[in-house]
Protein backbone atom coordinates (compact mmCIF):
# COMPACT_ATOMS: atom_id res chain seq x y z
CA MET A 1 16.13 -3.78 -4.66
CA LYS A 2 12.61 -2.63 -5.52
CA LYS A 3 11.41 -3.54 -2.03
CA ALA A 4 14.26 -1.63 -0.38
CA LEU A 5 13.58 1.44 -2.52
CA PHE A 6 9.88 1.27 -1.70
CA PHE A 7 10.52 1.20 2.04
CA LEU A 8 12.81 4.22 1.66
CA LEU A 9 10.05 6.08 -0.20
CA LEU A 10 7.48 4.93 2.33
CA GLY A 11 9.48 6.29 5.24
CA LEU A 12 9.89 9.65 3.55
CA ILE A 13 6.17 9.89 2.82
CA LEU A 14 5.19 9.01 6.37
CA VAL A 15 7.42 11.78 7.66
CA LEU A 16 5.81 14.29 5.30
CA SER A 17 2.21 13.12 5.70
CA THR A 18 -0.46 14.50 7.99
CA ASN A 19 -3.42 12.69 9.50
CA THR A 20 -5.89 14.39 7.18
CA ALA A 21 -7.61 11.96 4.81
CA GLN A 22 -8.82 13.41 1.52
CA ALA A 23 -8.77 11.79 -1.91
CA TRP A 24 -5.97 9.16 -1.84
CA GLY A 25 -5.16 10.56 1.56
CA PHE A 26 -2.16 12.83 1.93
CA PHE A 27 -0.03 9.70 2.24
CA GLY A 28 -1.28 8.26 -1.05
CA HIS A 29 -1.01 11.41 -3.15
CA ARG A 30 2.51 12.09 -1.96
CA LEU A 31 3.59 8.53 -2.60
CA LEU A 32 2.12 8.50 -6.11
CA ASN A 33 3.81 11.74 -7.21
CA ARG A 34 7.08 10.47 -5.79
CA LEU A 35 6.81 7.11 -7.53
CA ALA A 36 5.96 8.80 -10.83
CA VAL A 37 9.33 10.55 -10.83
CA TYR A 38 11.09 7.18 -11.11
CA THR A 39 9.21 6.36 -14.33
CA LEU A 40 10.73 9.28 -16.24
CA PRO A 41 13.38 9.01 -18.99
CA PRO A 42 16.97 10.32 -18.69
CA GLY A 43 16.08 13.69 -20.21
CA MET A 44 13.62 14.40 -17.40
CA VAL A 45 14.51 12.35 -14.35
CA GLY A 46 17.45 14.50 -13.18
CA PHE A 47 15.32 17.64 -13.09
CA TYR A 48 12.39 15.88 -11.41
CA LYS A 49 14.60 14.10 -8.87
CA ALA A 50 16.16 17.43 -7.94
CA ASN A 51 12.64 18.58 -7.12
CA ILE A 52 11.18 15.35 -5.78
CA ASP A 53 10.55 16.80 -2.32
CA TYR A 54 8.66 19.72 -3.87
CA LEU A 55 6.56 17.34 -5.99
CA THR A 56 5.91 15.14 -2.96
CA ALA A 57 4.98 17.87 -0.49
CA ASN A 58 2.85 19.81 -2.99
CA ALA A 59 0.96 16.76 -4.23
CA THR A 60 -1.67 17.58 -1.61
CA ARG A 61 -1.98 21.29 -2.35
CA PRO A 62 -5.19 20.89 -4.41
CA ASP A 63 -6.89 19.26 -1.42
CA SER A 64 -5.78 22.12 0.80
CA ARG A 65 -7.48 24.52 -1.62
CA ARG A 66 -10.53 22.33 -2.10
CA THR A 67 -12.97 23.85 0.35
CA VAL A 68 -11.72 27.43 0.32
CA VAL A 69 -10.97 28.27 -3.33
CA PRO A 70 -14.01 28.78 -5.58
CA GLY A 71 -14.07 26.34 -8.48
CA GLU A 72 -11.51 23.95 -6.99
CA ALA A 73 -13.77 21.18 -5.68
CA PRO A 74 -15.24 20.02 -9.03
CA LYS A 75 -11.76 19.38 -10.43
CA HIS A 76 -11.37 16.27 -8.24
CA PHE A 77 -14.26 14.03 -9.33
CA LEU A 78 -16.97 13.17 -11.85
CA ASP A 79 -20.39 11.81 -10.84
CA VAL A 80 -20.70 9.52 -13.84
CA ASP A 81 -23.96 7.98 -12.60
CA ARG A 82 -25.61 11.40 -12.57
CA TYR A 83 -25.73 11.26 -16.38
CA GLY A 84 -27.45 7.89 -16.94
CA ASP A 85 -26.45 4.36 -17.90
CA SER A 86 -23.08 3.95 -19.61
CA ALA A 87 -22.57 7.72 -19.44
CA GLU A 88 -18.80 7.28 -19.18
CA TYR A 89 -18.82 6.09 -22.79
CA LYS A 90 -21.31 8.64 -24.09
CA MET A 91 -20.34 11.94 -22.46
CA PRO A 92 -18.73 14.57 -24.72
CA ARG A 93 -14.95 14.52 -24.54
CA LYS A 94 -14.64 18.23 -25.33
CA TYR A 95 -15.57 20.52 -22.47
CA ALA A 96 -17.36 23.00 -24.72
CA ASP A 97 -19.55 20.20 -26.06
CA ALA A 98 -20.29 19.02 -22.51
CA VAL A 99 -21.28 22.56 -21.50
CA ALA A 100 -23.59 22.79 -24.50
CA ARG A 101 -25.26 19.52 -23.55
CA TYR A 102 -25.45 19.79 -19.75
CA THR A 103 -24.76 23.47 -18.87
CA GLU A 104 -21.69 24.56 -16.96
CA ASP A 105 -23.58 24.80 -13.66
CA SER A 106 -24.46 21.12 -13.86
CA LEU A 107 -20.91 20.13 -14.76
CA LEU A 108 -19.46 22.09 -11.86
CA GLN A 109 -21.96 20.52 -9.49
CA HIS A 110 -21.16 16.96 -10.60
CA GLY A 111 -17.44 17.22 -11.31
CA ILE A 112 -15.06 17.89 -14.19
CA VAL A 113 -11.94 15.84 -13.41
CA PRO A 114 -11.24 14.43 -16.93
CA TRP A 115 -11.70 17.78 -18.64
CA ASN A 116 -9.57 19.43 -15.96
CA VAL A 117 -6.70 16.99 -16.55
CA VAL A 118 -6.79 17.68 -20.30
CA ALA A 119 -6.71 21.43 -19.63
CA MET A 120 -3.74 20.97 -17.31
CA LYS A 121 -1.99 18.83 -19.90
CA ASN A 122 -2.14 21.78 -22.28
CA GLN A 123 -0.90 24.16 -19.57
CA LEU A 124 2.06 21.96 -18.64
CA THR A 125 2.98 21.50 -22.30
CA ALA A 126 3.04 25.30 -22.65
CA ALA A 127 5.21 25.60 -19.54
CA PHE A 128 7.78 23.23 -21.09
CA LYS A 129 7.71 25.27 -24.32
CA ASP A 130 8.37 28.43 -22.28
CA ARG A 131 11.16 26.72 -20.24
CA ASP A 132 9.43 27.98 -17.09
CA THR A 133 10.69 26.00 -14.08
CA ASP A 134 8.17 27.41 -11.62
CA ARG A 135 5.16 26.60 -13.78
CA ILE A 136 6.52 23.16 -14.72
CA LEU A 137 6.87 22.17 -11.08
CA ARG A 138 3.61 23.73 -9.92
CA LEU A 139 1.57 22.19 -12.73
CA SER A 140 3.29 18.80 -12.46
CA ALA A 141 2.48 18.56 -8.76
CA ASP A 142 -1.13 19.62 -9.24
CA MET A 143 -1.77 17.49 -12.33
CA GLY A 144 -0.42 14.43 -10.54
CA HIS A 145 -3.06 14.97 -7.87
CA TYR A 146 -5.97 15.20 -10.30
CA ILE A 147 -4.84 12.18 -12.33
CA ALA A 148 -4.62 10.18 -9.12
CA ASP A 149 -8.14 11.29 -8.17
CA ALA A 150 -9.47 10.00 -11.50
CA CYS A 151 -8.09 6.58 -10.55
CA VAL A 152 -10.24 6.33 -7.41
CA PRO A 153 -13.56 4.48 -7.95
CA LEU A 154 -15.44 6.57 -5.37
CA HIS A 155 -14.49 9.74 -7.26
CA THR A 156 -16.78 8.62 -10.09
CA THR A 157 -20.10 8.23 -8.27
CA ARG A 158 -22.67 10.35 -6.46
CA ASN A 159 -22.50 7.78 -3.64
CA TYR A 160 -18.89 8.81 -3.06
CA ASN A 161 -18.93 8.16 0.69
CA GLY A 162 -21.58 5.47 0.87
CA GLN A 163 -24.03 8.08 2.13
CA PHE A 164 -26.91 6.63 0.06
CA THR A 165 -26.30 3.02 1.10
CA GLY A 166 -25.59 3.30 4.83
CA GLN A 167 -21.81 2.97 4.30
CA ARG A 168 -20.64 6.43 5.32
CA GLY A 169 -16.87 6.42 5.82
CA ILE A 170 -16.05 4.00 3.01
CA HIS A 171 -14.28 6.80 1.15
CA SER A 172 -11.45 7.06 3.65
CA LEU A 173 -11.44 3.29 4.20
CA TRP A 174 -10.68 2.49 0.55
CA GLU A 175 -8.27 5.26 -0.35
CA SER A 176 -6.60 6.12 2.96
CA ARG A 177 -6.90 3.39 5.57
CA LEU A 178 -6.03 0.47 3.28
CA PRO A 179 -2.94 2.04 1.64
CA GLU A 180 -1.61 3.34 4.95
CA LEU A 181 -1.94 -0.10 6.56
CA LEU A 182 -0.94 -2.36 3.69
CA SER A 183 0.97 -0.58 0.93
CA SER A 184 4.35 -1.73 2.27
CA ASP A 185 3.49 -5.09 0.66
CA TYR A 186 2.49 -3.57 -2.69
CA ASP A 187 4.47 -3.73 -5.92
CA LEU A 188 3.99 -0.19 -7.21
CA PHE A 189 6.77 -0.03 -9.78
CA SER A 190 5.31 0.21 -13.26
CA GLY A 191 8.26 0.58 -15.65
CA LYS A 192 9.20 3.54 -17.79
CA ALA A 193 6.86 6.34 -18.80
CA LYS A 194 5.22 6.00 -22.20
CA TYR A 195 4.09 8.70 -24.62
CA ILE A 196 0.31 9.16 -24.69
CA GLU A 197 -1.00 9.51 -28.23
CA ASN A 198 -4.41 10.75 -27.11
CA PRO A 199 -4.44 12.33 -23.61
CA THR A 200 -8.21 12.77 -23.67
CA ASP A 201 -8.75 9.05 -24.26
CA ALA A 202 -6.16 8.24 -21.58
CA ILE A 203 -7.82 10.18 -18.78
CA TRP A 204 -11.31 9.07 -19.77
CA GLY A 205 -9.96 5.52 -19.79
CA ALA A 206 -8.95 6.06 -16.17
CA VAL A 207 -12.46 7.26 -15.29
CA ILE A 208 -14.04 4.29 -17.09
CA ARG A 209 -11.73 1.87 -15.29
CA SER A 210 -12.48 3.48 -11.91
CA HIS A 211 -16.23 3.56 -12.41
CA ALA A 212 -16.28 -0.12 -13.33
CA ALA A 213 -14.97 -0.88 -9.82
CA VAL A 214 -17.61 1.08 -7.89
CA ASP A 215 -19.97 -1.86 -7.51
CA SER A 216 -17.36 -4.14 -5.94
CA VAL A 217 -16.03 -1.37 -3.67
CA LEU A 218 -19.50 -0.87 -2.17
CA ARG A 219 -20.78 -4.45 -2.29
CA PHE A 220 -17.82 -6.11 -0.59
CA GLU A 221 -17.87 -3.61 2.27
CA LYS A 222 -21.59 -4.17 2.82
CA GLU A 223 -21.17 -7.95 2.79
CA LEU A 224 -18.37 -7.79 5.34
CA THR A 225 -20.24 -5.35 7.57
CA ALA A 226 -23.02 -7.93 7.92
CA GLN A 227 -20.44 -10.30 9.42
CA TYR A 228 -18.89 -7.89 11.97
CA ALA A 229 -20.26 -6.37 15.16
CA GLN A 230 -19.68 -2.60 15.42
CA ASP A 231 -16.99 -3.04 18.08
CA GLN A 232 -15.18 -5.43 15.72
CA LYS A 233 -15.56 -3.24 12.64
CA PHE A 234 -14.23 -0.13 14.36
CA GLY A 235 -11.55 0.52 16.94
CA TYR A 236 -9.51 3.36 18.42
CA GLU A 237 -5.93 4.29 17.56
CA GLN A 238 -3.52 6.93 18.73
CA ARG A 239 -2.56 9.49 16.06
CA GLY A 240 -0.08 11.93 17.51
CA THR A 241 -1.79 13.43 20.52
CA GLN A 242 -5.27 12.34 19.42
CA THR A 243 -7.21 9.14 19.91
CA ILE A 244 -9.36 8.55 16.84
CA ARG A 245 -12.10 6.09 15.93
CA THR A 246 -11.24 4.22 12.74
CA TYR A 247 -11.83 0.96 10.92
CA SER A 248 -10.24 -1.92 12.82
CA ARG A 249 -7.17 -3.57 11.41
CA GLU A 250 -9.02 -6.89 11.24
CA PHE A 251 -11.93 -5.44 9.24
CA SER A 252 -9.58 -3.44 7.00
CA ARG A 253 -7.49 -6.50 6.17
CA ALA A 254 -10.60 -8.59 5.48
CA TYR A 255 -11.95 -5.89 3.14
CA HIS A 256 -8.57 -5.59 1.44
CA ALA A 257 -8.50 -9.37 0.87
CA ARG A 258 -12.03 -9.29 -0.56
CA LEU A 259 -10.95 -6.57 -3.03
CA ASN A 260 -8.20 -8.95 -4.21
CA GLY A 261 -5.45 -6.39 -4.95
CA GLN A 262 -7.72 -3.67 -6.34
CA VAL A 263 -6.17 -0.82 -4.36
CA GLU A 264 -2.65 -1.92 -5.27
CA ARG A 265 -3.56 -2.15 -8.96
CA GLN A 266 -5.14 1.30 -8.95
CA MET A 267 -2.15 2.87 -7.19
CA ARG A 268 0.28 1.29 -9.64
CA TYR A 269 -1.91 2.41 -12.55
CA ALA A 270 -2.12 5.96 -11.16
CA ALA A 271 1.66 6.29 -10.66
CA ALA A 272 2.27 5.12 -14.23
CA LEU A 273 -0.38 7.44 -15.66
CA ILE A 274 1.07 10.46 -13.86
CA GLY A 275 4.51 9.69 -15.29
CA ASN A 276 3.03 9.16 -18.75
CA PHE A 277 1.31 12.54 -18.68
CA TRP A 278 4.43 14.37 -17.46
CA PHE A 279 6.49 12.69 -20.18
CA THR A 280 3.92 13.47 -22.89
CA CYS A 281 3.83 17.14 -21.89
CA TRP A 282 7.63 17.31 -22.07
CA VAL A 283 7.70 15.72 -25.55
CA ASP A 284 4.87 17.90 -26.85
CA GLY A 285 6.61 20.91 -25.32
CA GLY A 286 9.64 20.31 -27.54
CA SER A 287 11.65 18.05 -25.21
CA PRO A 288 13.58 20.98 -23.74
CA ASP A 289 16.98 20.37 -22.18
CA LEU A 290 15.99 20.58 -18.54
CA SER A 291 19.64 20.54 -17.42
CA LYS A 292 20.00 24.06 -18.83
CA MET A 293 17.08 25.43 -16.81
CA PRO A 294 16.96 26.49 -13.16
CA ARG A 295 16.63 23.23 -11.25
CA THR A 296 14.77 24.52 -8.21
CA PRO A 297 11.79 26.85 -7.66
CA SER A 298 12.54 30.55 -7.64
CA GLU A 299 12.37 32.57 -4.43
CA SER A 300 9.22 34.26 -5.71
CA GLU A 301 7.60 30.84 -6.22
CA LYS A 302 8.55 29.77 -2.70
CA GLN A 303 7.08 32.99 -1.34
CA ARG A 304 3.91 32.46 -3.39
CA LEU A 305 3.52 28.95 -1.96
CA ASP A 306 4.03 30.27 1.56
CA ARG A 307 1.36 32.92 1.02
CA GLU A 308 -1.05 30.36 -0.42
CA ALA A 309 -0.50 28.04 2.53
CA LYS A 310 -1.11 30.83 5.04
CA GLU A 311 -4.22 32.05 3.22
CA THR A 312 -5.63 28.53 3.02
CA ALA A 313 -4.97 27.92 6.70
CA ALA A 314 -6.55 31.25 7.68
CA THR A 315 -9.66 30.93 5.54
CA PRO A 316 -12.74 29.50 7.29
CA VAL A 317 -13.67 26.12 5.81
CA THR A 318 -16.87 26.18 3.79
CA THR A 319 -18.81 23.30 2.32
CA ALA A 320 -17.51 22.46 -1.13
CA PRO A 321 -20.04 21.49 -3.78
CA GLY A 322 -20.00 17.75 -4.23
CA HIS A 323 -17.83 15.08 -2.62
CA ASP A 324 -17.22 17.01 0.59
CA GLU A 325 -15.95 14.47 3.10
């Protein structure tokens, strides 16, 4: 039953996805938000299922804003290694304390993803208290994206695309190419959402877990590269009307095997954490009866999303500070 449900979800995501690869890839972010809906308790799941297509499609909206909206890019990552050895354990958990220690300019240059998730947790909790359907949906979709980003090892290092170690392209290999090729064999169902007693500790725990994997992500790719000729490591595939150069299926599968389930574990962890945060916001927001609220976005919210999409598409792309791929 789980396998059948996954293939149904997979098909829906592939229909909605584009070929753009940022963060977990559009495919990954959409799949994770969608999976998180199925972790929710009875008091929430009806409302979220009614809006599952919204939550799926808009899971990628933060990436669409990333290079054109000032202040957006730093919300997706944290260069832990910029701050010294074991910084992930020592950095201030309160944003004001971090600003006092490092300055806000430095934080914005090197990423603020854990502090951003905590801020969004407070915003979503307030939206539940206000019984505001539009804000609940908008913030749920966005927060799912940022939580997922915190679960990606390469979002916790300055060497986010292997640019300092001659491994440029590893970003999309780990978080886009591998899930797109192999996630149909993953077990991504993580049980029911759990209340988070300390959201700050939870999101920093995700960063700590991700950063601990950086060494293996980089080392295994470098070891494999030494064993493959360039024409074996890379190949060409048809994507729509385009022929693109990408990592070969053979190399991708070998790298995936070397990682020993790491991508699958991180995706399952991310889906569970998204559901946990949504559930915690609902509880802290007074556990409102969502069946008595409007169950779909308002017309004004739909129009706002349309305007945002058009503005994003029409704005010339500029280089975002940090982790521009």
